[in-house]
């Protein structure tokens, strides 16, 4: 059983550890060097300072953080202010248990409440079946592939683009 909640500052060590594993062993992020706890603290503060959500998935029995998700504005220019990119990372020990989907569903709700009209997935590695699958299951549509955009672990990697309208999406003008 999971509890999805807003992140807290004392979650940073576990968040950093989860992300470190993905940086060092995965292609879902194109980051090469794992960020420090201070880096992650700053990243979280930046997201929250913009009024955007940063969530964690907590095991209800053990209170262990098993994943996290947040969104950040897609680009800094004002015209992009209704489009945000999601980021979801699950502890290696919790993969394949539905944690990512629950985080993505909760993030979509929180992002819509923050005024996001389109949530974007910029997925590292076109072979990343888990992330592509969880986004598709959550209602995201395939929007394209940017071929050989990243170089990690001695290979070229694609980026898969997916998106999902939130709330009224583009059917009405934003307020």
C-alpha atoms as a PDB file:
ATOM      1  CA  UNK A   1       0.000   0.000   0.000  1.00  0.00           C
ATOM      2  CA  UNK A   2       1.334   3.412  -0.964  1.00  0.00           C
ATOM      3  CA  UNK A   3       0.831   6.865   0.393  1.00  0.00           C
ATOM      4  CA  UNK A   4       1.495   9.581  -2.202  1.00  0.00           C
ATOM      5  CA  UNK A   5       2.266  12.857  -0.473  1.00  0.00           C
ATOM      6  CA  UNK A   6       4.055  16.150  -0.922  1.00  0.00           C
ATOM      7  CA  UNK A   7       7.793  15.786  -0.437  1.00  0.00           C
ATOM      8  CA  UNK A   8       9.503  17.122   2.659  1.00  0.00           C
ATOM      9  CA  UNK A   9      13.031  18.359   3.130  1.00  0.00           C
ATOM     10  CA  UNK A  10      13.911  15.281   5.190  1.00  0.00           C
ATOM     11  CA  UNK A  11      13.063  13.108   2.135  1.00  0.00           C
ATOM     12  CA  UNK A  12      16.070  14.499   0.243  1.00  0.00           C
ATOM     13  CA  UNK A  13      18.600  11.803   1.257  1.00  0.00           C
ATOM     14  CA  UNK A  14      16.334   9.029  -0.055  1.00  0.00           C
ATOM     15  CA  UNK A  15      15.365  11.012  -3.162  1.00  0.00           C
ATOM     16  CA  UNK A  16      19.060  11.582  -3.866  1.00  0.00           C
ATOM     17  CA  UNK A  17      19.822   7.886  -3.394  1.00  0.00           C
ATOM     18  CA  UNK A  18      17.026   6.799  -5.749  1.00  0.00           C
ATOM     19  CA  UNK A  19      18.154   9.235  -8.418  1.00  0.00           C
ATOM     20  CA  UNK A  20      21.824   8.318  -7.959  1.00  0.00           C
ATOM     21  CA  UNK A  21      20.984   4.728  -8.874  1.00  0.00           C
ATOM     22  CA  UNK A  22      19.227   5.870 -12.073  1.00  0.00           C
ATOM     23  CA  UNK A  23      22.106   8.168 -13.056  1.00  0.00           C
ATOM     24  CA  UNK A  24      24.735   5.467 -12.540  1.00  0.00           C
ATOM     25  CA  UNK A  25      22.822   2.487 -13.929  1.00  0.00           C
ATOM     26  CA  UNK A  26      20.043   3.699 -16.211  1.00  0.00           C
ATOM     27  CA  UNK A  27      19.368   5.563 -19.409  1.00  0.00           C
ATOM     28  CA  UNK A  28      16.111   7.173 -18.302  1.00  0.00           C
ATOM     29  CA  UNK A  29      18.151  10.219 -17.356  1.00  0.00           C
ATOM     30  CA  UNK A  30      20.978  11.563 -19.467  1.00  0.00           C
ATOM     31  CA  UNK A  31      22.703  12.978 -16.421  1.00  0.00           C
ATOM     32  CA  UNK A  32      26.179  11.450 -16.088  1.00  0.00           C
ATOM     33  CA  UNK A  33      27.309  12.509 -12.598  1.00  0.00           C
ATOM     34  CA  UNK A  34      24.927  11.974  -9.678  1.00  0.00           C
ATOM     35  CA  UNK A  35      23.901  15.212  -7.974  1.00  0.00           C
ATOM     36  CA  UNK A  36      24.581  15.738  -4.279  1.00  0.00           C
ATOM     37  CA  UNK A  37      21.947  16.144  -1.589  1.00  0.00           C
ATOM     38  CA  UNK A  38      22.617  19.891  -1.735  1.00  0.00           C
ATOM     39  CA  UNK A  39      21.949  19.831  -5.494  1.00  0.00           C
ATOM     40  CA  UNK A  40      18.697  17.929  -5.010  1.00  0.00           C
ATOM     41  CA  UNK A  41      17.649  20.282  -2.208  1.00  0.00           C
ATOM     42  CA  UNK A  42      18.131  23.218  -4.599  1.00  0.00           C
ATOM     43  CA  UNK A  43      16.279  21.482  -7.434  1.00  0.00           C
ATOM     44  CA  UNK A  44      13.330  20.720  -5.161  1.00  0.00           C
ATOM     45  CA  UNK A  45      13.280  24.298  -3.840  1.00  0.00           C
ATOM     46  CA  UNK A  46      13.278  25.608  -7.421  1.00  0.00           C
ATOM     47  CA  UNK A  47      10.285  23.441  -8.387  1.00  0.00           C
ATOM     48  CA  UNK A  48       8.318  24.280  -5.243  1.00  0.00           C
ATOM     49  CA  UNK A  49       9.205  27.968  -5.613  1.00  0.00           C
ATOM     50  CA  UNK A  50       7.429  27.937  -8.970  1.00  0.00           C
ATOM     51  CA  UNK A  51       4.274  26.586  -7.345  1.00  0.00           C
ATOM     52  CA  UNK A  52       4.727  23.154  -8.919  1.00  0.00           C
ATOM     53  CA  UNK A  53       4.408  19.768  -7.196  1.00  0.00           C
ATOM     54  CA  UNK A  54       7.169  17.476  -5.958  1.00  0.00           C
ATOM     55  CA  UNK A  55       5.663  14.251  -4.615  1.00  0.00           C
ATOM     56  CA  UNK A  56       6.951  11.079  -2.978  1.00  0.00           C
ATOM     57  CA  UNK A  57       5.547   7.571  -2.781  1.00  0.00           C
ATOM     58  CA  UNK A  58       5.832   6.181   0.689  1.00  0.00           C
ATOM     59  CA  UNK A  59       5.276   2.567   1.741  1.00  0.00           C
ATOM     60  CA  UNK A  60       2.324   2.845   4.134  1.00  0.00           C
ATOM     61  CA  UNK A  61       3.667   0.096   6.408  1.00  0.00           C
ATOM     62  CA  UNK A  62       7.334   1.068   6.636  1.00  0.00           C
ATOM     63  CA  UNK A  63       7.177   4.799   5.730  1.00  0.00           C
ATOM     64  CA  UNK A  64      10.066   4.082   3.326  1.00  0.00           C
ATOM     65  CA  UNK A  65      10.203   6.388   0.289  1.00  0.00           C
ATOM     66  CA  UNK A  66      10.053   4.141  -2.790  1.00  0.00           C
ATOM     67  CA  UNK A  67       9.760   6.777  -5.510  1.00  0.00           C
ATOM     68  CA  UNK A  68       9.270  10.424  -6.306  1.00  0.00           C
ATOM     69  CA  UNK A  69       7.857  12.602  -9.048  1.00  0.00           C
ATOM     70  CA  UNK A  70       7.783  16.266  -9.898  1.00  0.00           C
ATOM     71  CA  UNK A  71       7.160  18.537 -12.825  1.00  0.00           C
ATOM     72  CA  UNK A  72       8.894  21.665 -13.963  1.00  0.00           C
ATOM     73  CA  UNK A  73       8.122  24.170 -16.676  1.00  0.00           C
ATOM     74  CA  UNK A  74       9.031  22.778 -20.075  1.00  0.00           C
ATOM     75  CA  UNK A  75      10.915  25.930 -21.094  1.00  0.00           C
ATOM     76  CA  UNK A  76      11.515  29.231 -19.276  1.00  0.00           C
ATOM     77  CA  UNK A  77       9.879  31.496 -21.855  1.00  0.00           C
ATOM     78  CA  UNK A  78       6.435  32.829 -20.889  1.00  0.00           C
ATOM     79  CA  UNK A  79       4.601  31.230 -23.809  1.00  0.00           C
ATOM     80  CA  UNK A  80       5.419  27.793 -22.332  1.00  0.00           C
ATOM     81  CA  UNK A  81       3.912  28.648 -18.918  1.00  0.00           C
ATOM     82  CA  UNK A  82       1.109  26.093 -19.232  1.00  0.00           C
ATOM     83  CA  UNK A  83       3.301  23.159 -20.271  1.00  0.00           C
ATOM     84  CA  UNK A  84       5.364  21.179 -17.774  1.00  0.00           C
ATOM     85  CA  UNK A  85       7.702  18.206 -18.087  1.00  0.00           C
ATOM     86  CA  UNK A  86       7.267  15.332 -15.662  1.00  0.00           C
ATOM     87  CA  UNK A  87      10.039  13.390 -13.946  1.00  0.00           C
ATOM     88  CA  UNK A  88       9.394  10.090 -12.159  1.00  0.00           C
ATOM     89  CA  UNK A  89      11.945   7.868 -10.452  1.00  0.00           C
ATOM     90  CA  UNK A  90      11.243   4.651  -8.590  1.00  0.00           C
ATOM     91  CA  UNK A  91      13.580   2.822  -6.224  1.00  0.00           C
ATOM     92  CA  UNK A  92      15.118  -0.193  -7.925  1.00  0.00           C
ATOM     93  CA  UNK A  93      13.621  -2.457  -5.247  1.00  0.00           C
ATOM     94  CA  UNK A  94      10.096  -1.176  -6.046  1.00  0.00           C
ATOM     95  CA  UNK A  95      10.163  -1.369  -9.849  1.00  0.00           C
ATOM     96  CA  UNK A  96       7.275  -3.194 -11.520  1.00  0.00           C
ATOM     97  CA  UNK A  97       4.936  -2.715  -8.558  1.00  0.00           C
ATOM     98  CA  UNK A  98       2.809   0.126  -9.912  1.00  0.00           C
ATOM     99  CA  UNK A  99       4.624   2.871  -7.993  1.00  0.00           C
ATOM    100  CA  UNK A 100       5.393   4.889 -11.138  1.00  0.00           C
ATOM    101  CA  UNK A 101       1.793   4.821 -12.317  1.00  0.00           C
ATOM    102  CA  UNK A 102       0.443   5.944  -8.950  1.00  0.00           C
ATOM    103  CA  UNK A 103       2.988   8.743  -8.826  1.00  0.00           C
ATOM    104  CA  UNK A 104       2.172   9.826 -12.398  1.00  0.00           C
ATOM    105  CA  UNK A 105      -1.570   9.862 -11.725  1.00  0.00           C
ATOM    106  CA  UNK A 106      -1.105  11.932  -8.553  1.00  0.00           C
ATOM    107  CA  UNK A 107       1.353  14.243 -10.302  1.00  0.00           C
ATOM    108  CA  UNK A 108      -1.119  14.842 -13.132  1.00  0.00           C
ATOM    109  CA  UNK A 109      -3.780  15.933 -10.637  1.00  0.00           C
ATOM    110  CA  UNK A 110      -1.364  18.159  -8.713  1.00  0.00           C
ATOM    111  CA  UNK A 111       0.021  19.692 -11.923  1.00  0.00           C
ATOM    112  CA  UNK A 112      -3.474  20.511 -13.157  1.00  0.00           C
ATOM    113  CA  UNK A 113      -4.232  22.171  -9.819  1.00  0.00           C
ATOM    114  CA  UNK A 114      -1.064  24.254 -10.326  1.00  0.00           C
ATOM    115  CA  UNK A 115      -2.366  25.494 -13.694  1.00  0.00           C
ATOM    116  CA  UNK A 116      -0.573  23.100 -16.050  1.00  0.00           C
ATOM    117  CA  UNK A 117      -2.591  22.429 -19.212  1.00  0.00           C
ATOM    118  CA  UNK A 118      -0.207  19.969 -20.926  1.00  0.00           C
ATOM    119  CA  UNK A 119       2.065  17.505 -19.216  1.00  0.00           C
ATOM    120  CA  UNK A 120       5.051  16.386 -21.273  1.00  0.00           C
ATOM    121  CA  UNK A 121       7.182  13.286 -20.963  1.00  0.00           C
ATOM    122  CA  UNK A 122      10.700  13.587 -22.317  1.00  0.00           C
ATOM    123  CA  UNK A 123      11.750   9.965 -21.886  1.00  0.00           C
ATOM    124  CA  UNK A 124      15.390   9.009 -22.086  1.00  0.00           C
ATOM    125  CA  UNK A 125      16.071   5.983 -24.278  1.00  0.00           C
ATOM    126  CA  UNK A 126      13.574   4.621 -26.776  1.00  0.00           C
ATOM    127  CA  UNK A 127      14.218   1.180 -25.224  1.00  0.00           C
ATOM    128  CA  UNK A 128      12.837   2.444 -21.883  1.00  0.00           C
ATOM    129  CA  UNK A 129       9.716   0.267 -22.103  1.00  0.00           C
ATOM    130  CA  UNK A 130       8.785   0.832 -18.446  1.00  0.00           C
ATOM    131  CA  UNK A 131       8.537   4.609 -18.680  1.00  0.00           C
ATOM    132  CA  UNK A 132       6.935   4.573 -22.123  1.00  0.00           C
ATOM    133  CA  UNK A 133       4.410   2.004 -20.917  1.00  0.00           C
ATOM    134  CA  UNK A 134       3.484   3.811 -17.707  1.00  0.00           C
ATOM    135  CA  UNK A 135       2.957   7.056 -19.619  1.00  0.00           C
ATOM    136  CA  UNK A 136       0.817   5.334 -22.258  1.00  0.00           C
ATOM    137  CA  UNK A 137      -1.255   3.628 -19.549  1.00  0.00           C
ATOM    138  CA  UNK A 138      -1.790   7.024 -17.903  1.00  0.00           C
ATOM    139  CA  UNK A 139      -3.236   8.507 -21.098  1.00  0.00           C
ATOM    140  CA  UNK A 140      -0.171  10.080 -22.673  1.00  0.00           C
ATOM    141  CA  UNK A 141       0.072  10.047 -26.468  1.00  0.00           C
ATOM    142  CA  UNK A 142       3.193   9.461 -28.499  1.00  0.00           C
ATOM    143  CA  UNK A 143       4.409  12.780 -29.915  1.00  0.00           C
ATOM    144  CA  UNK A 144       7.700  11.820 -31.529  1.00  0.00           C
ATOM    145  CA  UNK A 145      11.244  10.559 -31.194  1.00  0.00           C
ATOM    146  CA  UNK A 146      14.425  12.598 -31.270  1.00  0.00           C
ATOM    147  CA  UNK A 147      17.015  10.173 -32.574  1.00  0.00           C
ATOM    148  CA  UNK A 148      20.502   9.856 -31.098  1.00  0.00           C
ATOM    149  CA  UNK A 149      20.105  12.902 -28.871  1.00  0.00           C
ATOM    150  CA  UNK A 150      22.139  11.691 -25.896  1.00  0.00           C
ATOM    151  CA  UNK A 151      25.432   9.845 -25.456  1.00  0.00           C
ATOM    152  CA  UNK A 152      25.682   7.685 -22.347  1.00  0.00           C
ATOM    153  CA  UNK A 153      27.322   4.352 -21.534  1.00  0.00           C
ATOM    154  CA  UNK A 154      29.124   4.393 -24.877  1.00  0.00           C
ATOM    155  CA  UNK A 155      26.010   4.552 -27.009  1.00  0.00           C
ATOM    156  CA  UNK A 156      23.677   7.008 -28.703  1.00  0.00           C
ATOM    157  CA  UNK A 157      20.273   7.235 -27.071  1.00  0.00           C
ATOM    158  CA  UNK A 158      16.963   8.540 -28.368  1.00  0.00           C
ATOM    159  CA  UNK A 159      14.443  10.688 -26.554  1.00  0.00           C
ATOM    160  CA  UNK A 160      10.783   9.676 -26.757  1.00  0.00           C
ATOM    161  CA  UNK A 161       8.289  12.528 -26.512  1.00  0.00           C
ATOM    162  CA  UNK A 162       4.801  11.933 -25.122  1.00  0.00           C
ATOM    163  CA  UNK A 163       2.155  14.344 -23.910  1.00  0.00           C
ATOM    164  CA  UNK A 164      -1.179  14.526 -22.164  1.00  0.00           C
ATOM    165  CA  UNK A 165      -3.665  17.390 -21.884  1.00  0.00           C
ATOM    166  CA  UNK A 166      -4.756  18.282 -18.368  1.00  0.00           C
ATOM    167  CA  UNK A 167      -8.118  19.776 -17.527  1.00  0.00           C
ATOM    168  CA  UNK A 168      -9.361  21.814 -20.483  1.00  0.00           C
ATOM    169  CA  UNK A 169      -6.030  21.334 -22.241  1.00  0.00           C
ATOM    170  CA  UNK A 170      -6.049  23.481 -25.375  1.00  0.00           C
ATOM    171  CA  UNK A 171      -9.831  23.570 -25.757  1.00  0.00           C
ATOM    172  CA  UNK A 172     -10.106  26.911 -23.931  1.00  0.00           C
ATOM    173  CA  UNK A 173      -7.867  29.908 -23.370  1.00  0.00           C
ATOM    174  CA  UNK A 174      -6.049  29.908 -20.025  1.00  0.00           C
ATOM    175  CA  UNK A 175      -7.051  32.393 -17.378  1.00  0.00           C
END
